[in-house]
């Protein structure tokens, strides 16, 4: 829902959201949780502290069954990651 320029691809068995060929988010499914990840997550504003991970660039939000989720904060992270990749592509 970010924009009409978003493409959904499969990469290494995971769904990935891209603008052109530039990925900005992915979903990875595990037995006990789901990760919604961001390729530039280390640079995203995350006031609700949803992002986990210690990678140089990537971060993810871990979703677990039965746990509350701040869906608005997650939506804002997705939108911010989308805007970041669009800006990078326009430079």
PDB file of N, CA and C in Angstrom:
ATOM      1  N   UNK A   1       0.802  -1.206   0.000  1.00  0.00           N
ATOM      2  CA  UNK A   1       0.000   0.000   0.000  1.00  0.00           C
ATOM      3  C   UNK A   1       0.846   1.273   0.000  1.00  0.00           C
ATOM      4  N   UNK A   2       2.178   1.136  -0.011  1.00  0.00           N
ATOM      5  CA  UNK A   2       3.049   2.321   0.019  1.00  0.00           C
ATOM      6  C   UNK A   2       2.915   3.152  -1.247  1.00  0.00           C
ATOM      7  N   UNK A   3       2.882   2.474  -2.386  1.00  0.00           N
ATOM      8  CA  UNK A   3       2.808   3.185  -3.650  1.00  0.00           C
ATOM      9  C   UNK A   3       2.702   2.206  -4.803  1.00  0.00           C
ATOM     10  N   UNK A   4       2.311   2.722  -5.948  1.00  0.00           N
ATOM     11  CA  UNK A   4       2.140   1.872  -7.124  1.00  0.00           C
ATOM     12  C   UNK A   4       3.458   1.372  -7.685  1.00  0.00           C
ATOM     13  N   UNK A   5       4.573   1.944  -7.239  1.00  0.00           N
ATOM     14  CA  UNK A   5       5.895   1.542  -7.733  1.00  0.00           C
ATOM     15  C   UNK A   5       6.502   0.385  -6.935  1.00  0.00           C
ATOM     16  N   UNK A   6       5.786  -0.126  -5.939  1.00  0.00           N
ATOM     17  CA  UNK A   6       6.293  -1.230  -5.124  1.00  0.00           C
ATOM     18  C   UNK A   6       6.071  -2.547  -5.846  1.00  0.00           C
ATOM     19  N   UNK A   7       7.154  -3.339  -5.892  1.00  0.00           N
ATOM     20  CA  UNK A   7       7.094  -4.684  -6.479  1.00  0.00           C
ATOM     21  C   UNK A   7       7.341  -5.682  -5.365  1.00  0.00           C
ATOM     22  N   UNK A   8       6.632  -6.790  -5.412  1.00  0.00           N
ATOM     23  CA  UNK A   8       6.843  -7.866  -4.451  1.00  0.00           C
ATOM     24  C   UNK A   8       7.552  -9.005  -5.155  1.00  0.00           C
ATOM     25  N   UNK A   9       8.713  -9.391  -4.619  1.00  0.00           N
ATOM     26  CA  UNK A   9       9.527 -10.437  -5.216  1.00  0.00           C
ATOM     27  C   UNK A   9       9.827 -11.505  -4.168  1.00  0.00           C
ATOM     28  N   UNK A  10      10.280 -12.662  -4.611  1.00  0.00           N
ATOM     29  CA  UNK A  10      10.784 -13.689  -3.708  1.00  0.00           C
ATOM     30  C   UNK A  10      12.305 -13.688  -3.826  1.00  0.00           C
ATOM     31  N   UNK A  11      12.996 -13.621  -2.681  1.00  0.00           N
ATOM     32  CA  UNK A  11      14.460 -13.653  -2.659  1.00  0.00           C
ATOM     33  C   UNK A  11      14.884 -14.577  -1.524  1.00  0.00           C
ATOM     34  N   UNK A  12      15.645 -15.594  -1.842  1.00  0.00           N
ATOM     35  CA  UNK A  12      16.062 -16.591  -0.852  1.00  0.00           C
ATOM     36  C   UNK A  12      14.878 -17.156  -0.085  1.00  0.00           C
ATOM     37  N   UNK A  13      13.757 -17.347  -0.765  1.00  0.00           N
ATOM     38  CA  UNK A  13      12.572 -17.943  -0.162  1.00  0.00           C
ATOM     39  C   UNK A  13      11.742 -17.013   0.687  1.00  0.00           C
ATOM     40  N   UNK A  14      12.061 -15.727   0.691  1.00  0.00           N
ATOM     41  CA  UNK A  14      11.325 -14.746   1.499  1.00  0.00           C
ATOM     42  C   UNK A  14      10.686 -13.699   0.593  1.00  0.00           C
ATOM     43  N   UNK A  15       9.461 -13.270   0.922  1.00  0.00           N
ATOM     44  CA  UNK A  15       8.861 -12.160   0.187  1.00  0.00           C
ATOM     45  C   UNK A  15       9.608 -10.857   0.502  1.00  0.00           C
ATOM     46  N   UNK A  16       9.900 -10.102  -0.548  1.00  0.00           N
ATOM     47  CA  UNK A  16      10.653  -8.853  -0.423  1.00  0.00           C
ATOM     48  C   UNK A  16       9.878  -7.752  -1.146  1.00  0.00           C
ATOM     49  N   UNK A  17       9.795  -6.587  -0.510  1.00  0.00           N
ATOM     50  CA  UNK A  17       9.176  -5.416  -1.130  1.00  0.00           C
ATOM     51  C   UNK A  17      10.278  -4.534  -1.691  1.00  0.00           C
ATOM     52  N   UNK A  18      10.127  -4.152  -2.968  1.00  0.00           N
ATOM     53  CA  UNK A  18      11.152  -3.362  -3.664  1.00  0.00           C
ATOM     54  C   UNK A  18      10.524  -2.181  -4.380  1.00  0.00           C
ATOM     55  N   UNK A  19      11.333  -1.174  -4.624  1.00  0.00           N
ATOM     56  CA  UNK A  19      11.028  -0.112  -5.575  1.00  0.00           C
ATOM     57  C   UNK A  19      12.052  -0.314  -6.675  1.00  0.00           C
ATOM     58  N   UNK A  20      11.589  -0.548  -7.904  1.00  0.00           N
ATOM     59  CA  UNK A  20      12.459  -0.990  -8.994  1.00  0.00           C
ATOM     60  C   UNK A  20      13.153  -2.263  -8.518  1.00  0.00           C
ATOM     61  N   UNK A  21      14.482  -2.279  -8.527  1.00  0.00           N
ATOM     62  CA  UNK A  21      15.206  -3.453  -8.046  1.00  0.00           C
ATOM     63  C   UNK A  21      15.796  -3.230  -6.652  1.00  0.00           C
ATOM     64  N   UNK A  22      15.408  -2.165  -5.986  1.00  0.00           N
ATOM     65  CA  UNK A  22      15.966  -1.833  -4.675  1.00  0.00           C
ATOM     66  C   UNK A  22      15.029  -2.318  -3.561  1.00  0.00           C
ATOM     67  N   UNK A  23      15.470  -3.284  -2.772  1.00  0.00           N
ATOM     68  CA  UNK A  23      14.627  -3.802  -1.687  1.00  0.00           C
ATOM     69  C   UNK A  23      14.589  -2.850  -0.499  1.00  0.00           C
ATOM     70  N   UNK A  24      13.439  -2.802   0.189  1.00  0.00           N
ATOM     71  CA  UNK A  24      13.372  -1.998   1.404  1.00  0.00           C
ATOM     72  C   UNK A  24      12.783  -2.764   2.579  1.00  0.00           C
ATOM     73  N   UNK A  25      12.074  -3.850   2.346  1.00  0.00           N
ATOM     74  CA  UNK A  25      11.490  -4.622   3.441  1.00  0.00           C
ATOM     75  C   UNK A  25      11.337  -6.080   3.027  1.00  0.00           C
ATOM     76  N   UNK A  26      11.260  -6.953   4.034  1.00  0.00           N
ATOM     77  CA  UNK A  26      11.071  -8.381   3.774  1.00  0.00           C
ATOM     78  C   UNK A  26      10.293  -9.007   4.927  1.00  0.00           C
ATOM     79  N   UNK A  27       9.801 -10.203   4.683  1.00  0.00           N
ATOM     80  CA  UNK A  27       9.123 -10.989   5.706  1.00  0.00           C
ATOM     81  C   UNK A  27       9.809 -12.338   5.760  1.00  0.00           C
ATOM     82  N   UNK A  28      10.120 -12.785   6.975  1.00  0.00           N
ATOM     83  CA  UNK A  28      10.758 -14.086   7.157  1.00  0.00           C
ATOM     84  C   UNK A  28       9.976 -14.831   8.238  1.00  0.00           C
ATOM     85  N   UNK A  29       9.561 -16.064   7.934  1.00  0.00           N
ATOM     86  CA  UNK A  29       8.714 -16.841   8.835  1.00  0.00           C
ATOM     87  C   UNK A  29       9.533 -17.916   9.532  1.00  0.00           C
ATOM     88  N   UNK A  30       9.366 -17.993  10.847  1.00  0.00           N
ATOM     89  CA  UNK A  30      10.016 -19.000  11.676  1.00  0.00           C
ATOM     90  C   UNK A  30       8.933 -19.780  12.431  1.00  0.00           C
ATOM     91  N   UNK A  31       9.313 -20.820  13.148  1.00  0.00           N
ATOM     92  CA  UNK A  31       8.336 -21.616  13.891  1.00  0.00           C
ATOM     93  C   UNK A  31       7.609 -20.803  14.948  1.00  0.00           C
ATOM     94  N   UNK A  32       8.328 -19.971  15.685  1.00  0.00           N
ATOM     95  CA  UNK A  32       7.747 -19.271  16.828  1.00  0.00           C
ATOM     96  C   UNK A  32       7.449 -17.795  16.579  1.00  0.00           C
ATOM     97  N   UNK A  33       7.876 -17.255  15.444  1.00  0.00           N
ATOM     98  CA  UNK A  33       7.656 -15.833  15.188  1.00  0.00           C
ATOM     99  C   UNK A  33       7.824 -15.513  13.708  1.00  0.00           C
ATOM    100  N   UNK A  34       7.494 -14.273  13.379  1.00  0.00           N
ATOM    101  CA  UNK A  34       7.672 -13.730  12.031  1.00  0.00           C
ATOM    102  C   UNK A  34       8.501 -12.466  12.160  1.00  0.00           C
ATOM    103  N   UNK A  35       9.476 -12.292  11.290  1.00  0.00           N
ATOM    104  CA  UNK A  35      10.244 -11.049  11.246  1.00  0.00           C
ATOM    105  C   UNK A  35       9.777 -10.208  10.067  1.00  0.00           C
ATOM    106  N   UNK A  36       9.503  -8.953  10.332  1.00  0.00           N
ATOM    107  CA  UNK A  36       9.299  -7.959   9.282  1.00  0.00           C
ATOM    108  C   UNK A  36      10.580  -7.135   9.305  1.00  0.00           C
ATOM    109  N   UNK A  37      11.388  -7.287   8.271  1.00  0.00           N
ATOM    110  CA  UNK A  37      12.711  -6.688   8.267  1.00  0.00           C
ATOM    111  C   UNK A  37      12.841  -5.519   7.318  1.00  0.00           C
ATOM    112  N   UNK A  38      13.840  -4.697   7.610  1.00  0.00           N
ATOM    113  CA  UNK A  38      14.100  -3.489   6.839  1.00  0.00           C
ATOM    114  C   UNK A  38      15.577  -3.421   6.496  1.00  0.00           C
ATOM    115  N   UNK A  39      15.869  -3.274   5.220  1.00  0.00           N
ATOM    116  CA  UNK A  39      17.251  -3.261   4.743  1.00  0.00           C
ATOM    117  C   UNK A  39      18.034  -2.066   5.269  1.00  0.00           C
ATOM    118  N   UNK A  40      17.363  -0.958   5.522  1.00  0.00           N
ATOM    119  CA  UNK A  40      18.026   0.217   6.092  1.00  0.00           C
ATOM    120  C   UNK A  40      17.479   0.502   7.489  1.00  0.00           C
ATOM    121  N   UNK A  41      17.106  -0.542   8.197  1.00  0.00           N
ATOM    122  CA  UNK A  41      16.480  -0.394   9.509  1.00  0.00           C
ATOM    123  C   UNK A  41      17.320   0.324  10.541  1.00  0.00           C
ATOM    124  N   UNK A  42      18.636   0.233  10.437  1.00  0.00           N
ATOM    125  CA  UNK A  42      19.511   0.902  11.401  1.00  0.00           C
ATOM    126  C   UNK A  42      19.391   2.416  11.322  1.00  0.00           C
ATOM    127  N   UNK A  43      18.847   2.923  10.227  1.00  0.00           N
ATOM    128  CA  UNK A  43      18.754   4.363  10.008  1.00  0.00           C
ATOM    129  C   UNK A  43      17.337   4.911  10.179  1.00  0.00           C
ATOM    130  N   UNK A  44      16.386   4.020  10.463  1.00  0.00           N
ATOM    131  CA  UNK A  44      14.995   4.450  10.592  1.00  0.00           C
ATOM    132  C   UNK A  44      14.734   5.016  11.981  1.00  0.00           C
ATOM    133  N   UNK A  45      13.908   6.049  12.037  1.00  0.00           N
ATOM    134  CA  UNK A  45      13.454   6.588  13.308  1.00  0.00           C
ATOM    135  C   UNK A  45      12.492   5.564  13.920  1.00  0.00           C
ATOM    136  N   UNK A  46      12.765   5.141  15.146  1.00  0.00           N
ATOM    137  CA  UNK A  46      11.988   4.094  15.798  1.00  0.00           C
ATOM    138  C   UNK A  46      11.647   4.497  17.230  1.00  0.00           C
ATOM    139  N   UNK A  47      10.780   5.500  17.401  1.00  0.00           N
ATOM    140  CA  UNK A  47      10.480   5.983  18.750  1.00  0.00           C
ATOM    141  C   UNK A  47       9.827   4.934  19.644  1.00  0.00           C
ATOM    142  N   UNK A  48       9.137   3.965  19.082  1.00  0.00           N
ATOM    143  CA  UNK A  48       8.489   2.915  19.884  1.00  0.00           C
ATOM    144  C   UNK A  48       9.419   1.731  20.156  1.00  0.00           C
ATOM    145  N   UNK A  49      10.637   1.800  19.629  1.00  0.00           N
ATOM    146  CA  UNK A  49      11.664   0.768  19.849  1.00  0.00           C
ATOM    147  C   UNK A  49      11.187  -0.635  19.464  1.00  0.00           C
ATOM    148  N   UNK A  50      10.596  -0.729  18.281  1.00  0.00           N
ATOM    149  CA  UNK A  50      10.159  -2.025  17.765  1.00  0.00           C
ATOM    150  C   UNK A  50      11.304  -2.796  17.118  1.00  0.00           C
ATOM    151  N   UNK A  51      12.276  -2.079  16.580  1.00  0.00           N
ATOM    152  CA  UNK A  51      13.332  -2.720  15.799  1.00  0.00           C
ATOM    153  C   UNK A  51      14.322  -3.473  16.685  1.00  0.00           C
ATOM    154  N   UNK A  52      14.698  -4.664  16.201  1.00  0.00           N
ATOM    155  CA  UNK A  52      15.684  -5.504  16.876  1.00  0.00           C
ATOM    156  C   UNK A  52      16.812  -5.795  15.899  1.00  0.00           C
ATOM    157  N   UNK A  53      17.925  -6.265  16.435  1.00  0.00           N
ATOM    158  CA  UNK A  53      19.057  -6.653  15.611  1.00  0.00           C
ATOM    159  C   UNK A  53      20.233  -5.722  15.818  1.00  0.00           C
ATOM    160  N   UNK A  54      21.392  -6.220  15.434  1.00  0.00           N
ATOM    161  CA  UNK A  54      22.625  -5.456  15.631  1.00  0.00           C
ATOM    162  C   UNK A  54      23.451  -5.382  14.361  1.00  0.00           C
ATOM    163  N   UNK A  55      22.821  -5.656  13.216  1.00  0.00           N
ATOM    164  CA  UNK A  55      23.539  -5.583  11.955  1.00  0.00           C
ATOM    165  C   UNK A  55      23.931  -4.157  11.622  1.00  0.00           C
ATOM    166  N   UNK A  56      24.869  -4.035  10.701  1.00  0.00           N
ATOM    167  CA  UNK A  56      25.359  -2.712  10.306  1.00  0.00           C
ATOM    168  C   UNK A  56      24.261  -1.860   9.675  1.00  0.00           C
ATOM    169  N   UNK A  57      23.363  -2.495   8.919  1.00  0.00           N
ATOM    170  CA  UNK A  57      22.310  -1.758   8.223  1.00  0.00           C
ATOM    171  C   UNK A  57      20.902  -2.280   8.527  1.00  0.00           C
ATOM    172  N   UNK A  58      20.750  -3.575   8.601  1.00  0.00           N
ATOM    173  CA  UNK A  58      19.426  -4.184   8.683  1.00  0.00           C
ATOM    174  C   UNK A  58      18.928  -4.303  10.118  1.00  0.00           C
ATOM    175  N   UNK A  59      17.606  -4.164  10.268  1.00  0.00           N
ATOM    176  CA  UNK A  59      16.922  -4.392  11.538  1.00  0.00           C
ATOM    177  C   UNK A  59      15.579  -5.057  11.219  1.00  0.00           C
ATOM    178  N   UNK A  60      14.952  -5.645  12.236  1.00  0.00           N
ATOM    179  CA  UNK A  60      13.668  -6.303  12.021  1.00  0.00           C
ATOM    180  C   UNK A  60      12.759  -6.094  13.228  1.00  0.00           C
ATOM    181  N   UNK A  61      11.464  -6.288  12.995  1.00  0.00           N
ATOM    182  CA  UNK A  61      10.458  -6.302  14.044  1.00  0.00           C
ATOM    183  C   UNK A  61      10.013  -7.746  14.171  1.00  0.00           C
ATOM    184  N   UNK A  62      10.069  -8.272  15.379  1.00  0.00           N
ATOM    185  CA  UNK A  62       9.697  -9.660  15.628  1.00  0.00           C
ATOM    186  C   UNK A  62       8.243  -9.702  16.084  1.00  0.00           C
ATOM    187  N   UNK A  63       7.416 -10.445  15.345  1.00  0.00           N
ATOM    188  CA  UNK A  63       6.001 -10.600  15.670  1.00  0.00           C
ATOM    189  C   UNK A  63       5.780 -12.006  16.212  1.00  0.00           C
ATOM    190  N   UNK A  64       5.197 -12.099  17.421  1.00  0.00           N
ATOM    191  CA  UNK A  64       4.954 -13.392  18.049  1.00  0.00           C
ATOM    192  C   UNK A  64       3.470 -13.562  18.311  1.00  0.00           C
ATOM    193  N   UNK A  65       2.952 -14.785  18.133  1.00  0.00           N
ATOM    194  CA  UNK A  65       1.535 -15.029  18.410  1.00  0.00           C
ATOM    195  C   UNK A  65       1.192 -14.680  19.863  1.00  0.00           C
ATOM    196  N   UNK A  66       0.049 -14.056  20.044  1.00  0.00           N
ATOM    197  CA  UNK A  66      -0.416 -13.730  21.377  1.00  0.00           C
ATOM    198  C   UNK A  66       0.175 -12.473  21.986  1.00  0.00           C
ATOM    199  N   UNK A  67       1.153 -11.857  21.331  1.00  0.00           N
ATOM    200  CA  UNK A  67       1.727 -10.616  21.841  1.00  0.00           C
ATOM    201  C   UNK A  67       1.094  -9.417  21.143  1.00  0.00           C
ATOM    202  N   UNK A  68       0.902  -8.349  21.887  1.00  0.00           N
ATOM    203  CA  UNK A  68       0.350  -7.124  21.315  1.00  0.00           C
ATOM    204  C   UNK A  68       1.332  -6.512  20.334  1.00  0.00           C
ATOM    205  N   UNK A  69       0.793  -5.871  19.324  1.00  0.00           N
ATOM    206  CA  UNK A  69       1.597  -5.219  18.299  1.00  0.00           C
ATOM    207  C   UNK A  69       1.105  -3.796  18.118  1.00  0.00           C
ATOM    208  N   UNK A  70       2.015  -2.867  18.096  1.00  0.00           N
ATOM    209  CA  UNK A  70       1.674  -1.485  17.789  1.00  0.00           C
ATOM    210  C   UNK A  70       1.661  -1.372  16.261  1.00  0.00           C
ATOM    211  N   UNK A  71       0.521  -1.681  15.662  1.00  0.00           N
ATOM    212  CA  UNK A  71       0.427  -1.748  14.199  1.00  0.00           C
ATOM    213  C   UNK A  71       0.672  -0.391  13.549  1.00  0.00           C
ATOM    214  N   UNK A  72       0.315   0.693  14.221  1.00  0.00           N
ATOM    215  CA  UNK A  72       0.566   2.027  13.655  1.00  0.00           C
ATOM    216  C   UNK A  72       2.065   2.308  13.616  1.00  0.00           C
ATOM    217  N   UNK A  73       2.792   1.928  14.653  1.00  0.00           N
ATOM    218  CA  UNK A  73       4.243   2.127  14.666  1.00  0.00           C
ATOM    219  C   UNK A  73       4.909   1.275  13.589  1.00  0.00           C
ATOM    220  N   UNK A  74       4.427   0.059  13.380  1.00  0.00           N
ATOM    221  CA  UNK A  74       4.970  -0.799  12.318  1.00  0.00           C
ATOM    222  C   UNK A  74       4.663  -0.195  10.952  1.00  0.00           C
ATOM    223  N   UNK A  75       3.457   0.311  10.761  1.00  0.00           N
ATOM    224  CA  UNK A  75       3.089   0.958   9.496  1.00  0.00           C
ATOM    225  C   UNK A  75       4.014   2.143   9.221  1.00  0.00           C
ATOM    226  N   UNK A  76       4.336   2.907  10.251  1.00  0.00           N
ATOM    227  CA  UNK A  76       5.218   4.059  10.084  1.00  0.00           C
ATOM    228  C   UNK A  76       6.634   3.623   9.702  1.00  0.00           C
ATOM    229  N   UNK A  77       7.107   2.525  10.264  1.00  0.00           N
ATOM    230  CA  UNK A  77       8.421   2.009   9.876  1.00  0.00           C
ATOM    231  C   UNK A  77       8.430   1.573   8.415  1.00  0.00           C
ATOM    232  N   UNK A  78       7.378   0.892   7.997  1.00  0.00           N
ATOM    233  CA  UNK A  78       7.276   0.452   6.599  1.00  0.00           C
ATOM    234  C   UNK A  78       7.274   1.661   5.668  1.00  0.00           C
ATOM    235  N   UNK A  79       6.490   2.655   6.007  1.00  0.00           N
ATOM    236  CA  UNK A  79       6.406   3.863   5.174  1.00  0.00           C
ATOM    237  C   UNK A  79       7.753   4.587   5.139  1.00  0.00           C
ATOM    238  N   UNK A  80       8.428   4.659   6.281  1.00  0.00           N
ATOM    239  CA  UNK A  80       9.738   5.339   6.331  1.00  0.00           C
ATOM    240  C   UNK A  80      10.768   4.591   5.491  1.00  0.00           C
ATOM    241  N   UNK A  81      10.758   3.259   5.542  1.00  0.00           N
ATOM    242  CA  UNK A  81      11.698   2.469   4.738  1.00  0.00           C
ATOM    243  C   UNK A  81      11.423   2.671   3.251  1.00  0.00           C
ATOM    244  N   UNK A  82      10.169   2.724   2.889  1.00  0.00           N
ATOM    245  CA  UNK A  82       9.780   2.987   1.495  1.00  0.00           C
ATOM    246  C   UNK A  82      10.275   4.366   1.047  1.00  0.00           C
ATOM    247  N   UNK A  83      10.045   5.376   1.868  1.00  0.00           N
ATOM    248  CA  UNK A  83      10.484   6.729   1.514  1.00  0.00           C
ATOM    249  C   UNK A  83      12.006   6.801   1.403  1.00  0.00           C
ATOM    250  N   UNK A  84      12.704   6.091   2.292  1.00  0.00           N
ATOM    251  CA  UNK A  84      14.174   6.080   2.228  1.00  0.00           C
ATOM    252  C   UNK A  84      14.681   5.513   0.915  1.00  0.00           C
ATOM    253  N   UNK A  85      14.117   4.391   0.482  1.00  0.00           N
ATOM    254  CA  UNK A  85      14.601   3.775  -0.759  1.00  0.00           C
ATOM    255  C   UNK A  85      14.253   4.653  -1.967  1.00  0.00           C
ATOM    256  N   UNK A  86      13.094   5.300  -1.938  1.00  0.00           N
ATOM    257  CA  UNK A  86      12.742   6.208  -3.029  1.00  0.00           C
ATOM    258  C   UNK A  86      13.732   7.369  -3.100  1.00  0.00           C
ATOM    259  N   UNK A  87      14.125   7.898  -1.939  1.00  0.00           N
ATOM    260  CA  UNK A  87      15.075   9.004  -1.920  1.00  0.00           C
ATOM    261  C   UNK A  87      16.436   8.553  -2.425  1.00  0.00           C
ATOM    262  N   UNK A  88      16.878   7.374  -2.000  1.00  0.00           N
ATOM    263  CA  UNK A  88      18.163   6.844  -2.469  1.00  0.00           C
ATOM    264  C   UNK A  88      18.168   6.654  -3.985  1.00  0.00           C
ATOM    265  N   UNK A  89      17.067   6.207  -4.535  1.00  0.00           N
ATOM    266  CA  UNK A  89      16.981   5.990  -5.982  1.00  0.00           C
ATOM    267  C   UNK A  89      16.961   7.301  -6.763  1.00  0.00           C
ATOM    268  N   UNK A  90      16.486   8.370  -6.139  1.00  0.00           N
ATOM    269  CA  UNK A  90      16.403   9.644  -6.860  1.00  0.00           C
ATOM    270  C   UNK A  90      17.720  10.424  -6.819  1.00  0.00           C
ATOM    271  N   UNK A  91      18.668   9.973  -5.997  1.00  0.00           N
ATOM    272  CA  UNK A  91      19.950  10.701  -5.901  1.00  0.00           C
ATOM    273  C   UNK A  91      20.892  10.328  -7.011  1.00  0.00           C
TER     274      UNK A  91
END
